[in-house]
C-alpha atoms as a PDB file:
ATOM      1  CA  MET A   1      54.726  90.862  71.808  1.00  0.00           C
ATOM      2  CA  ARG A   2      58.362  90.785  70.679  1.00  0.00           C
ATOM      3  CA  ALA A   3      60.874  89.475  73.229  1.00  0.00           C
ATOM      4  CA  PRO A   4      63.165  92.154  74.702  1.00  0.00           C
ATOM      5  CA  ILE A   5      66.752  92.553  73.556  1.00  0.00           C
ATOM      6  CA  ASN A   6      69.015  91.218  76.285  1.00  0.00           C
ATOM      7  CA  ILE A   7      72.096  93.287  77.103  1.00  0.00           C
ATOM      8  CA  THR A   8      74.745  92.081  79.540  1.00  0.00           C
ATOM      9  CA  LEU A   9      77.046  94.687  81.097  1.00  0.00           C
ATOM     10  CA  GLY A  10      80.233  93.995  83.043  1.00  0.00           C
ATOM     11  CA  GLY A  11      82.457  95.892  85.467  1.00  0.00           C
ATOM     12  CA  TYR A  12      85.396  95.071  87.708  1.00  0.00           C
ATOM     13  CA  GLN A  13      85.005  96.980  90.958  1.00  0.00           C
ATOM     14  CA  GLY A  14      83.265  96.497  94.286  1.00  0.00           C
ATOM     15  CA  PRO A  15      79.772  97.542  95.367  1.00  0.00           C
ATOM     16  CA  ASP A  16      80.802 100.987  96.639  1.00  0.00           C
ATOM     17  CA  SER A  17      82.700 102.021  93.513  1.00  0.00           C
ATOM     18  CA  VAL A  18      81.508 105.066  91.554  1.00  0.00           C
ATOM     19  CA  HIS A  19      81.846 102.896  88.434  1.00  0.00           C
ATOM     20  CA  THR A  20      79.622 100.191  89.892  1.00  0.00           C
ATOM     21  CA  ARG A  21      77.069 102.819  90.825  1.00  0.00           C
ATOM     22  CA  ALA A  22      77.140 104.175  87.269  1.00  0.00           C
ATOM     23  CA  LEU A  23      76.909 100.703  85.730  1.00  0.00           C
ATOM     24  CA  ARG A  24      73.753 100.011  87.709  1.00  0.00           C
ATOM     25  CA  LEU A  25      72.346 103.385  86.663  1.00  0.00           C
ATOM     26  CA  LEU A  26      73.097 102.489  83.054  1.00  0.00           C
ATOM     27  CA  GLY A  27      71.158  99.255  83.371  1.00  0.00           C
ATOM     28  CA  ASP A  28      68.205 101.124  84.881  1.00  0.00           C
ATOM     29  CA  ALA A  29      68.335 103.800  82.170  1.00  0.00           C
ATOM     30  CA  LEU A  30      68.327 101.226  79.364  1.00  0.00           C
ATOM     31  CA  VAL A  31      65.214  99.561  80.739  1.00  0.00           C
ATOM     32  CA  ARG A  32      63.468 102.870  81.443  1.00  0.00           C
ATOM     33  CA  LEU A  33      64.221 104.569  78.127  1.00  0.00           C
ATOM     34  CA  SER A  34      63.283 101.489  76.113  1.00  0.00           C
ATOM     35  CA  ASP A  35      59.963 100.949  77.919  1.00  0.00           C
ATOM     36  CA  GLY A  36      60.993  97.373  78.567  1.00  0.00           C
ATOM     37  CA  ARG A  37      62.227  96.624  75.054  1.00  0.00           C
ATOM     38  CA  ILE A  38      65.661  96.083  76.594  1.00  0.00           C
ATOM     39  CA  ALA A  39      66.363  93.650  79.433  1.00  0.00           C
ATOM     40  CA  VAL A  40      69.664  94.133  81.261  1.00  0.00           C
ATOM     41  CA  ASP A  41      71.949  91.820  83.226  1.00  0.00           C
ATOM     42  CA  VAL A  42      74.503  93.838  85.204  1.00  0.00           C
ATOM     43  CA  ARG A  43      77.564  91.925  86.429  1.00  0.00           C
ATOM     44  CA  THR A  44      79.212  94.468  88.657  1.00  0.00           C
ATOM     45  CA  ASN A  45      82.475  92.627  89.319  1.00  0.00           C
ATOM     46  CA  VAL A  46      83.522  90.035  86.753  1.00  0.00           C
ATOM     47  CA  GLY A  47      86.595  89.294  88.872  1.00  0.00           C
ATOM     48  CA  GLU A  48      84.293  87.241  91.079  1.00  0.00           C
ATOM     49  CA  GLN A  49      83.811  84.976  88.047  1.00  0.00           C
ATOM     50  CA  GLY A  50      87.582  84.648  87.561  1.00  0.00           C
ATOM     51  CA  ILE A  51      87.806  87.183  84.727  1.00  0.00           C
ATOM     52  CA  LYS A  52      90.830  89.464  84.812  1.00  0.00           C
ATOM     53  CA  THR A  53      90.304  93.153  84.183  1.00  0.00           C
ATOM     54  CA  ALA A  54      92.982  93.047  81.491  1.00  0.00           C
ATOM     55  CA  ASP A  55      90.853  90.462  79.647  1.00  0.00           C
ATOM     56  CA  LEU A  56      87.617  92.444  79.806  1.00  0.00           C
ATOM     57  CA  ARG A  57      88.151  93.975  76.383  1.00  0.00           C
ATOM     58  CA  THR A  58      88.533  90.527  74.844  1.00  0.00           C
ATOM     59  CA  VAL A  59      85.516  89.225  76.757  1.00  0.00           C
ATOM     60  CA  VAL A  60      83.369  91.930  75.146  1.00  0.00           C
ATOM     61  CA  GLU A  61      84.962  91.492  71.712  1.00  0.00           C
ATOM     62  CA  ARG A  62      84.142  87.791  71.677  1.00  0.00           C
ATOM     63  CA  HIS A  63      80.638  88.627  72.941  1.00  0.00           C
ATOM     64  CA  ASP A  64      80.677  86.945  76.311  1.00  0.00           C
ATOM     65  CA  LEU A  65      79.464  90.374  77.453  1.00  0.00           C
ATOM     66  CA  ASP A  66      77.754  93.060  75.369  1.00  0.00           C
ATOM     67  CA  GLY A  67      79.368  96.021  77.064  1.00  0.00           C
ATOM     68  CA  CYS A  68      81.613  97.234  79.864  1.00  0.00           C
ATOM     69  CA  TYR A  69      83.537 100.198  81.211  1.00  0.00           C
ATOM     70  CA  LEU A  70      87.330 100.000  81.076  1.00  0.00           C
ATOM     71  CA  SER A  71      90.235 102.302  81.909  1.00  0.00           C
ATOM     72  CA  SER A  72      91.587 103.777  78.686  1.00  0.00           C
ATOM     73  CA  SER A  73      95.089 102.699  79.680  1.00  0.00           C
ATOM     74  CA  TYR A  74      94.192  99.052  79.076  1.00  0.00           C
ATOM     75  CA  ILE A  75      93.721  99.618  75.336  1.00  0.00           C
ATOM     76  CA  ALA A  76      95.997 102.612  74.656  1.00  0.00           C
ATOM     77  CA  GLY A  77      98.554 100.273  73.106  1.00  0.00           C
ATOM     78  CA  ASP A  78      96.142  99.720  70.210  1.00  0.00           C
ATOM     79  CA  VAL A  79      94.380 103.104  70.283  1.00  0.00           C
ATOM     80  CA  SER A  80      97.231 105.589  70.267  1.00  0.00           C
ATOM     81  CA  ALA A  81      95.087 108.714  70.750  1.00  0.00           C
ATOM     82  CA  LEU A  82      94.249 107.478  74.250  1.00  0.00           C
ATOM     83  CA  ARG A  83      97.914 107.863  75.225  1.00  0.00           C
ATOM     84  CA  LEU A  84      97.156 111.522  75.882  1.00  0.00           C
ATOM     85  CA  PHE A  85      95.927 110.290  79.266  1.00  0.00           C
ATOM     86  CA  ASP A  86      99.116 108.339  79.931  1.00  0.00           C
ATOM     87  CA  ILE A  87     101.313 111.467  79.873  1.00  0.00           C
ATOM     88  CA  PRO A  88     102.617 111.740  83.453  1.00  0.00           C
ATOM     89  CA  PHE A  89     102.398 114.779  85.710  1.00  0.00           C
ATOM     90  CA  ALA A  90     100.274 116.832  83.320  1.00  0.00           C
ATOM     91  CA  SER A  91      98.260 118.093  86.361  1.00  0.00           C
ATOM     92  CA  LEU A  92      95.106 118.464  84.295  1.00  0.00           C
ATOM     93  CA  ASP A  93      92.071 120.387  85.445  1.00  0.00           C
ATOM     94  CA  ARG A  94      89.212 117.873  85.377  1.00  0.00           C
ATOM     95  CA  THR A  95      86.479 120.295  84.339  1.00  0.00           C
ATOM     96  CA  ALA A  96      88.505 121.716  81.453  1.00  0.00           C
ATOM     97  CA  THR A  97      89.617 118.256  80.391  1.00  0.00           C
ATOM     98  CA  PHE A  98      86.111 116.833  80.179  1.00  0.00           C
ATOM     99  CA  ALA A  99      84.965 119.902  78.239  1.00  0.00           C
ATOM    100  CA  LEU A 100      87.732 119.181  75.731  1.00  0.00           C
ATOM    101  CA  LEU A 101      86.795 115.511  75.625  1.00  0.00           C
ATOM    102  CA  ASP A 102      83.175 116.316  74.823  1.00  0.00           C
ATOM    103  CA  LYS A 103      83.917 119.003  72.244  1.00  0.00           C
ATOM    104  CA  VAL A 104      87.076 117.744  70.522  1.00  0.00           C
ATOM    105  CA  LEU A 105      88.487 114.398  71.580  1.00  0.00           C
ATOM    106  CA  GLU A 106      85.501 112.076  71.914  1.00  0.00           C
ATOM    107  CA  ASP A 107      84.890 111.793  68.154  1.00  0.00           C
ATOM    108  CA  ARG A 108      88.562 111.043  67.563  1.00  0.00           C
ATOM    109  CA  PHE A 109      88.619 108.411  70.299  1.00  0.00           C
ATOM    110  CA  GLN A 110      85.448 106.812  68.926  1.00  0.00           C
ATOM    111  CA  HIS A 111      86.937 106.602  65.431  1.00  0.00           C
ATOM    112  CA  GLU A 112      90.202 105.055  66.607  1.00  0.00           C
ATOM    113  CA  VAL A 113      88.510 102.568  68.940  1.00  0.00           C
ATOM    114  CA  GLU A 114      86.258 101.356  66.135  1.00  0.00           C
ATOM    115  CA  ALA A 115      89.153 101.210  63.650  1.00  0.00           C
ATOM    116  CA  ASN A 116      91.536  99.286  65.901  1.00  0.00           C
ATOM    117  CA  THR A 117      89.336  97.023  68.041  1.00  0.00           C
ATOM    118  CA  GLY A 118      86.136  95.008  67.831  1.00  0.00           C
ATOM    119  CA  LEU A 119      84.412  97.635  69.972  1.00  0.00           C
ATOM    120  CA  VAL A 120      82.452 100.862  69.798  1.00  0.00           C
ATOM    121  CA  MET A 121      83.011 103.605  72.373  1.00  0.00           C
ATOM    122  CA  LEU A 122      79.806 105.315  73.475  1.00  0.00           C
ATOM    123  CA  GLY A 123      80.940 107.365  76.467  1.00  0.00           C
ATOM    124  CA  ILE A 124      83.758 108.537  78.713  1.00  0.00           C
ATOM    125  CA  TRP A 125      83.706 108.350  82.503  1.00  0.00           C
ATOM    126  CA  ASP A 126      85.904 109.997  85.107  1.00  0.00           C
ATOM    127  CA  ASN A 127      88.461 107.442  86.275  1.00  0.00           C
ATOM    128  CA  GLY A 128      89.996 109.688  88.924  1.00  0.00           C
ATOM    129  CA  VAL A 129      93.298 111.349  89.735  1.00  0.00           C
ATOM    130  CA  ARG A 130      95.939 108.804  90.659  1.00  0.00           C
ATOM    131  CA  HIS A 131      98.184 109.026  93.744  1.00  0.00           C
ATOM    132  CA  MET A 132     100.870 106.780  95.246  1.00  0.00           C
ATOM    133  CA  SER A 133     100.541 104.759  98.448  1.00  0.00           C
ATOM    134  CA  THR A 134     103.276 103.231 100.613  1.00  0.00           C
ATOM    135  CA  ALA A 135     103.487 101.587 104.010  1.00  0.00           C
ATOM    136  CA  ASN A 136     105.529 104.183 105.881  1.00  0.00           C
ATOM    137  CA  ARG A 137     107.716 105.928 103.333  1.00  0.00           C
ATOM    138  CA  PRO A 138     106.499 109.371 102.178  1.00  0.00           C
ATOM    139  CA  LEU A 139     107.442 109.932  98.546  1.00  0.00           C
ATOM    140  CA  HIS A 140     108.628 113.516  98.673  1.00  0.00           C
ATOM    141  CA  CYS A 141     110.870 113.122  95.641  1.00  0.00           C
ATOM    142  CA  PRO A 142     111.852 110.424  93.106  1.00  0.00           C
ATOM    143  CA  GLU A 143     114.825 109.405  95.238  1.00  0.00           C
ATOM    144  CA  ASN A 144     112.334 108.018  97.765  1.00  0.00           C
ATOM    145  CA  CYS A 145     111.035 105.585  95.124  1.00  0.00           C
ATOM    146  CA  GLN A 146     114.290 103.719  94.612  1.00  0.00           C
ATOM    147  CA  GLY A 147     113.866  99.945  94.781  1.00  0.00           C
ATOM    148  CA  LEU A 148     110.188  99.955  95.747  1.00  0.00           C
ATOM    149  CA  LYS A 149     108.019  97.340  94.041  1.00  0.00           C
ATOM    150  CA  LEU A 150     105.047  99.267  92.672  1.00  0.00           C
ATOM    151  CA  ARG A 151     101.851  97.668  91.410  1.00  0.00           C
ATOM    152  CA  THR A 152     100.874  99.075  88.043  1.00  0.00           C
ATOM    153  CA  LEU A 153      98.601  98.485  85.062  1.00  0.00           C
ATOM    154  CA  PRO A 154      99.560  96.421  81.991  1.00  0.00           C
ATOM    155  CA  ASN A 155     100.497  99.578  80.101  1.00  0.00           C
ATOM    156  CA  ASP A 156     103.976 100.074  78.668  1.00  0.00           C
ATOM    157  CA  ASP A 157     103.954 103.859  79.134  1.00  0.00           C
ATOM    158  CA  HIS A 158     103.035 103.544  82.802  1.00  0.00           C
ATOM    159  CA  GLN A 159     105.725 100.964  83.423  1.00  0.00           C
ATOM    160  CA  ASN A 160     108.416 103.013  81.678  1.00  0.00           C
ATOM    161  CA  VAL A 161     107.460 106.132  83.622  1.00  0.00           C
ATOM    162  CA  PHE A 162     107.559 104.365  86.970  1.00  0.00           C
ATOM    163  CA  ARG A 163     110.840 102.689  86.092  1.00  0.00           C
ATOM    164  CA  SER A 164     112.322 106.107  85.306  1.00  0.00           C
ATOM    165  CA  LEU A 165     111.381 107.186  88.843  1.00  0.00           C
ATOM    166  CA  GLY A 166     113.296 104.275  90.381  1.00  0.00           C
ATOM    167  CA  PHE A 167     110.368 101.930  91.023  1.00  0.00           C
ATOM    168  CA  ASP A 168     110.344  98.248  90.152  1.00  0.00           C
ATOM    169  CA  PRO A 169     106.918  98.125  88.441  1.00  0.00           C
ATOM    170  CA  LYS A 170     104.846  94.955  88.847  1.00  0.00           C
ATOM    171  CA  VAL A 171     101.769  94.299  86.716  1.00  0.00           C
ATOM    172  CA  ILE A 172      98.989  92.947  88.942  1.00  0.00           C
ATOM    173  CA  ASP A 173      95.413  92.657  87.758  1.00  0.00           C
ATOM    174  CA  ALA A 174      92.696  94.520  89.652  1.00  0.00           C
ATOM    175  CA  LYS A 175      91.150  91.134  90.474  1.00  0.00           C
ATOM    176  CA  ASP A 176      94.283  90.210  92.433  1.00  0.00           C
ATOM    177  CA  LEU A 177      95.240  93.653  93.725  1.00  0.00           C
ATOM    178  CA  SER A 178      93.821  93.537  97.257  1.00  0.00           C
ATOM    179  CA  ASP A 179      95.472  90.215  98.031  1.00  0.00           C
ATOM    180  CA  ALA A 180      98.797  91.286  96.521  1.00  0.00           C
ATOM    181  CA  VAL A 181      98.920  94.416  98.677  1.00  0.00           C
ATOM    182  CA  ALA A 182      97.772  92.600 101.831  1.00  0.00           C
ATOM    183  CA  ASN A 183     100.364  89.854 101.274  1.00  0.00           C
ATOM    184  CA  GLY A 184     103.218  92.330 100.796  1.00  0.00           C
ATOM    185  CA  ASP A 185     103.874  91.338  97.189  1.00  0.00           C
ATOM    186  CA  VAL A 186     104.411  95.041  96.466  1.00  0.00           C
ATOM    187  CA  ASP A 187     105.722  97.962  98.515  1.00  0.00           C
ATOM    188  CA  ALA A 188     103.613 100.607  96.812  1.00  0.00           C
ATOM    189  CA  GLN A 189     100.582 101.079  94.587  1.00  0.00           C
ATOM    190  CA  GLU A 190      99.013 103.957  92.635  1.00  0.00           C
ATOM    191  CA  ASN A 191      95.296 104.568  92.264  1.00  0.00           C
ATOM    192  CA  PRO A 192      92.566 107.171  92.670  1.00  0.00           C
ATOM    193  CA  LEU A 193      91.476 107.609  96.280  1.00  0.00           C
ATOM    194  CA  THR A 194      88.166 105.850  95.632  1.00  0.00           C
ATOM    195  CA  ASN A 195      89.981 102.672  94.534  1.00  0.00           C
ATOM    196  CA  THR A 196      92.481 102.882  97.370  1.00  0.00           C
ATOM    197  CA  LEU A 197      89.586 102.991  99.840  1.00  0.00           C
ATOM    198  CA  ASN A 198      87.219 100.515  98.210  1.00  0.00           C
ATOM    199  CA  PHE A 199      89.895  97.905  97.537  1.00  0.00           C
ATOM    200  CA  GLY A 200      91.109  98.285 101.151  1.00  0.00           C
ATOM    201  CA  LEU A 201      94.644  99.109 100.001  1.00  0.00           C
ATOM    202  CA  HIS A 202      95.129 101.742 102.701  1.00  0.00           C
ATOM    203  CA  LYS A 203      95.064  99.057 105.369  1.00  0.00           C
ATOM    204  CA  SER A 204      98.517  97.879 104.316  1.00  0.00           C
ATOM    205  CA  LEU A 205      99.756 101.040 102.586  1.00  0.00           C
ATOM    206  CA  PRO A 206      98.469 103.907 104.766  1.00  0.00           C
ATOM    207  CA  THR A 207     100.791 106.691 103.545  1.00  0.00           C
ATOM    208  CA  ILE A 208      99.387 108.422 100.473  1.00  0.00           C
ATOM    209  CA  THR A 209     101.537 110.940  98.644  1.00  0.00           C
ATOM    210  CA  LEU A 210      99.268 113.212  96.609  1.00  0.00           C
ATOM    211  CA  THR A 211     101.306 112.989  93.431  1.00  0.00           C
ATOM    212  CA  GLY A 212      98.361 113.472  91.046  1.00  0.00           C
ATOM    213  CA  HIS A 213     100.600 111.912  88.417  1.00  0.00           C
ATOM    214  CA  LEU A 214      97.801 110.848  86.064  1.00  0.00           C
ATOM    215  CA  MET A 215      94.188 111.791  85.455  1.00  0.00           C
ATOM    216  CA  GLY A 216      92.345 108.713  84.234  1.00  0.00           C
ATOM    217  CA  ILE A 217      89.358 108.192  81.987  1.00  0.00           C
ATOM    218  CA  ALA A 218      87.235 105.079  81.613  1.00  0.00           C
ATOM    219  CA  LEU A 219      85.575 104.208  78.315  1.00  0.00           C
ATOM    220  CA  VAL A 220      82.068 102.788  77.955  1.00  0.00           C
ATOM    221  CA  LEU A 221      82.507 100.072  75.336  1.00  0.00           C
ATOM    222  CA  PHE A 222      80.189  97.721  73.459  1.00  0.00           C
ATOM    223  CA  ASN A 223      80.784  94.866  71.046  1.00  0.00           C
ATOM    224  CA  ARG A 224      80.797  96.583  67.650  1.00  0.00           C
ATOM    225  CA  GLU A 225      79.039  93.915  65.603  1.00  0.00           C
ATOM    226  CA  VAL A 226      76.375  93.369  68.245  1.00  0.00           C
ATOM    227  CA  PHE A 227      75.707  97.091  68.642  1.00  0.00           C
ATOM    228  CA  GLN A 228      75.425  97.572  64.883  1.00  0.00           C
ATOM    229  CA  SER A 229      73.052  94.592  64.624  1.00  0.00           C
ATOM    230  CA  TRP A 230      70.472  96.214  66.901  1.00  0.00           C
ATOM    231  CA  PRO A 231      67.600  98.190  65.345  1.00  0.00           C
ATOM    232  CA  VAL A 232      68.452 101.858  64.860  1.00  0.00           C
ATOM    233  CA  GLU A 233      65.987 102.919  67.557  1.00  0.00           C
ATOM    234  CA  ILE A 234      67.641 100.562  70.064  1.00  0.00           C
ATOM    235  CA  GLN A 235      71.077 101.907  69.175  1.00  0.00           C
ATOM    236  CA  ALA A 236      69.773 105.430  69.789  1.00  0.00           C
ATOM    237  CA  ILE A 237      68.388 104.417  73.189  1.00  0.00           C
ATOM    238  CA  VAL A 238      71.713 102.887  74.211  1.00  0.00           C
ATOM    239  CA  VAL A 239      73.583 106.031  73.145  1.00  0.00           C
ATOM    240  CA  GLN A 240      71.092 108.202  75.047  1.00  0.00           C
ATOM    241  CA  ALA A 241      71.368 106.066  78.180  1.00  0.00           C
ATOM    242  CA  VAL A 242      75.171 106.141  78.147  1.00  0.00           C
ATOM    243  CA  ASP A 243      75.177 109.918  77.660  1.00  0.00           C
ATOM    244  CA  GLU A 244      72.730 110.418  80.535  1.00  0.00           C
ATOM    245  CA  VAL A 245      74.684 108.204  82.927  1.00  0.00           C
ATOM    246  CA  SER A 246      78.087 109.590  81.885  1.00  0.00           C
ATOM    247  CA  LYS A 247      77.064 113.074  83.020  1.00  0.00           C
ATOM    248  CA  ALA A 248      75.925 111.685  86.369  1.00  0.00           C
ATOM    249  CA  GLN A 249      79.035 109.532  86.783  1.00  0.00           C
ATOM    250  CA  ARG A 250      81.386 112.465  86.349  1.00  0.00           C
ATOM    251  CA  SER A 251      79.463 114.485  88.922  1.00  0.00           C
ATOM    252  CA  PHE A 252      79.543 111.939  91.694  1.00  0.00           C
ATOM    253  CA  ALA A 253      83.140 110.943  90.867  1.00  0.00           C
ATOM    254  CA  LEU A 254      84.196 114.471  91.825  1.00  0.00           C
ATOM    255  CA  GLU A 255      82.178 114.300  95.034  1.00  0.00           C
ATOM    256  CA  GLU A 256      83.703 110.913  95.824  1.00  0.00           C
ATOM    257  CA  ASP A 257      87.261 112.267  96.010  1.00  0.00           C
ATOM    258  CA  GLU A 258      86.618 114.523  98.971  1.00  0.00           C
ATOM    259  CA  ALA A 259      84.380 111.964 100.666  1.00  0.00           C
ATOM    260  CA  CYS A 260      87.062 109.291 100.329  1.00  0.00           C
ATOM    261  CA  LYS A 261      89.727 111.614 101.643  1.00  0.00           C
ATOM    262  CA  ARG A 262      87.679 112.247 104.792  1.00  0.00           C
ATOM    263  CA  VAL A 263      87.065 108.530 105.357  1.00  0.00           C
ATOM    264  CA  LEU A 264      90.706 107.647 104.767  1.00  0.00           C
ATOM    265  CA  LYS A 265      91.849 110.302 107.240  1.00  0.00           C
ATOM    266  CA  ASP A 266      89.405 108.952 109.823  1.00  0.00           C
ATOM    267  CA  GLN A 267      90.916 105.490 109.295  1.00  0.00           C
ATOM    268  CA  GLY A 268      94.442 106.716 110.022  1.00  0.00           C
ATOM    269  CA  VAL A 269      95.796 107.435 106.542  1.00  0.00           C
ATOM    270  CA  GLU A 270      98.553 110.048 106.364  1.00  0.00           C
ATOM    271  CA  PHE A 271      98.371 112.363 103.350  1.00  0.00           C
ATOM    272  CA  ILE A 272     101.582 113.891 102.046  1.00  0.00           C
ATOM    273  CA  GLU A 273     101.252 117.175 100.149  1.00  0.00           C
ATOM    274  CA  LEU A 274     104.101 118.006  97.784  1.00  0.00           C
ATOM    275  CA  THR A 275     105.722 121.444  97.768  1.00  0.00           C
ATOM    276  CA  ALA A 276     106.244 123.251  94.468  1.00  0.00           C
ATOM    277  CA  ASP A 277     109.928 122.304  94.485  1.00  0.00           C
ATOM    278  CA  GLN A 278     109.160 118.664  95.233  1.00  0.00           C
ATOM    279  CA  ARG A 279     106.583 118.549  92.439  1.00  0.00           C
ATOM    280  CA  ALA A 280     109.168 120.026  90.087  1.00  0.00           C
ATOM    281  CA  SER A 281     111.527 117.164  90.897  1.00  0.00           C
ATOM    282  CA  TRP A 282     108.914 114.629  89.772  1.00  0.00           C
ATOM    283  CA  TRP A 283     108.316 116.618  86.593  1.00  0.00           C
ATOM    284  CA  THR A 284     112.045 116.706  85.824  1.00  0.00           C
ATOM    285  CA  ALA A 285     112.552 113.003  86.525  1.00  0.00           C
ATOM    286  CA  THR A 286     109.821 112.022  84.060  1.00  0.00           C
ATOM    287  CA  GLN A 287     110.639 114.585  81.357  1.00  0.00           C
ATOM    288  CA  SER A 288     112.309 112.119  78.997  1.00  0.00           C
ATOM    289  CA  GLU A 289     109.381 109.700  79.194  1.00  0.00           C
ATOM    290  CA  ARG A 290     106.885 112.517  78.757  1.00  0.00           C
ATOM    291  CA  THR A 291     108.762 113.708  75.669  1.00  0.00           C
ATOM    292  CA  ARG A 292     108.865 110.177  74.250  1.00  0.00           C
ATOM    293  CA  ILE A 293     105.121 109.621  74.687  1.00  0.00           C
ATOM    294  CA  GLN A 294     104.265 112.996  73.186  1.00  0.00           C
ATOM    295  CA  ALA A 295     106.524 112.328  70.188  1.00  0.00           C
ATOM    296  CA  GLU A 296     104.541 109.159  69.424  1.00  0.00           C
ATOM    297  CA  ILE A 297     101.132 110.881  69.456  1.00  0.00           C
ATOM    298  CA  ASP A 298      99.652 112.520  66.359  1.00  0.00           C
ATOM    299  CA  PRO A 299     101.066 116.102  66.469  1.00  0.00           C
ATOM    300  CA  ASP A 300      97.742 117.699  65.473  1.00  0.00           C
ATOM    301  CA  LEU A 301      95.916 115.841  68.232  1.00  0.00           C
ATOM    302  CA  LEU A 302      98.587 116.722  70.778  1.00  0.00           C
ATOM    303  CA  ALA A 303      98.455 120.378  69.757  1.00  0.00           C
ATOM    304  CA  LYS A 304      94.673 120.477  70.291  1.00  0.00           C
ATOM    305  CA  PHE A 305      95.113 118.828  73.666  1.00  0.00           C
ATOM    306  CA  ASN A 306      97.833 121.222  74.794  1.00  0.00           C
ATOM    307  CA  ALA A 307      96.008 124.287  73.480  1.00  0.00           C
ATOM    308  CA  ASN A 308      92.703 123.550  75.164  1.00  0.00           C
ATOM    309  CA  VAL A 309      93.559 122.008  78.538  1.00  0.00           C
ATOM    310  CA  CYS A 310      95.011 124.332  81.122  1.00  0.00           C
ATOM    311  CA  PRO A 311      97.229 122.655  83.753  1.00  0.00           C
ATOM    312  CA  THR A 312      96.537 123.326  87.394  1.00  0.00           C
ATOM    313  CA  GLU A 313      98.653 122.929  90.495  1.00  0.00           C
ATOM    314  CA  SER A 314      95.793 121.196  92.310  1.00  0.00           C
ATOM    315  CA  VAL A 315      96.246 117.468  92.783  1.00  0.00           C
ATOM    316  CA  ILE A 316      92.633 116.875  93.797  1.00  0.00           C
ATOM    317  CA  ALA A 317      89.898 118.592  91.841  1.00  0.00           C
END
C-alpha cells in the first residue's frame, strides 16, 4: 500500500477562532475525501512556534508548511487586485460581496496570486468586518483619533489611511498583539469582533466604535510547486475540501459576529454606534486615500467591483 501524502497546514489564531475551527475542518475533510490517501498535520497557531503572521507567506513559499490561511492584506502589496479589500469605509454587504467573489473576482485573484508569488490560492474565507477599540475614548469622528497610537497590519494602504485620520499607526504582528495591548504599547487597535474577543484585547481596550471601516477576506494558500507536484486526483481532492470548508467557514463567521457582540457586552464592553453624520465625517477624512488606492487598481476590475457590490449602512452583517 502506498504511503499517504502528508500535508501540513498552518494558522495564526487561538483555539476559539473561526479560522482555527475551519482549519481543523479542512484537515478532517482532506482525510475523509481522500479515504486516507492524505495525512494532515494541523498547526493551529504557528505563533506558538515563534513564527510571525507576516512571515507565514514566506514559510509556505519555502515549504516549511504546505498551506495556510492568511489575510489578503498581508500580500496585497504584491497582488494588486487584492487592494479592493483595502479601500476604507466601503461599507460592503457581506452576502453580495462573497457572491461577487465567487462569480467574478476569485479567478482574477487566483491568477494574480500565482503570477506574483510562489503560492496558489484555492479559497476565500470571511475575515470579518473591522472596528476600532480604545480604552475610554469613543471615536465619534476623526478628530477623536488625533495622536492615538493604533496597532495595524504591515500594509501600506492601511497605514496611510489611519495616518490620514490622525492616528500614529504601529505595525505589530498578531503573535505579539495581545501583549502589546496589555502592556499599553498602543492606545487603540482595529479588528473584527471575533479577534478582539479571542485575543483578549477588550480587557485593556473596552470601548469599541463600530466603524466597519474594512471588510476583510482571508485566502487559503498552498505552496505552488508542491500543489502542482501532487497527482491530479489529489489536487482535485484538495480543491474540493477547500471549497467545502470555505462555505462552512463563511456561515459560522457571520454567526460569530453576533455571538461575540453578546459576550463582549456581558464582559463590560461599550459599543459606540455612529450616526449618519458621524459616518460621513470618516468618509470625508479618508476620501483622498480612497481615491489614491482606487486609482492604482486596474480600472476594469474596479468597475466590476463597484458595479456588482452594493454598499450598505450596516456595520455588522
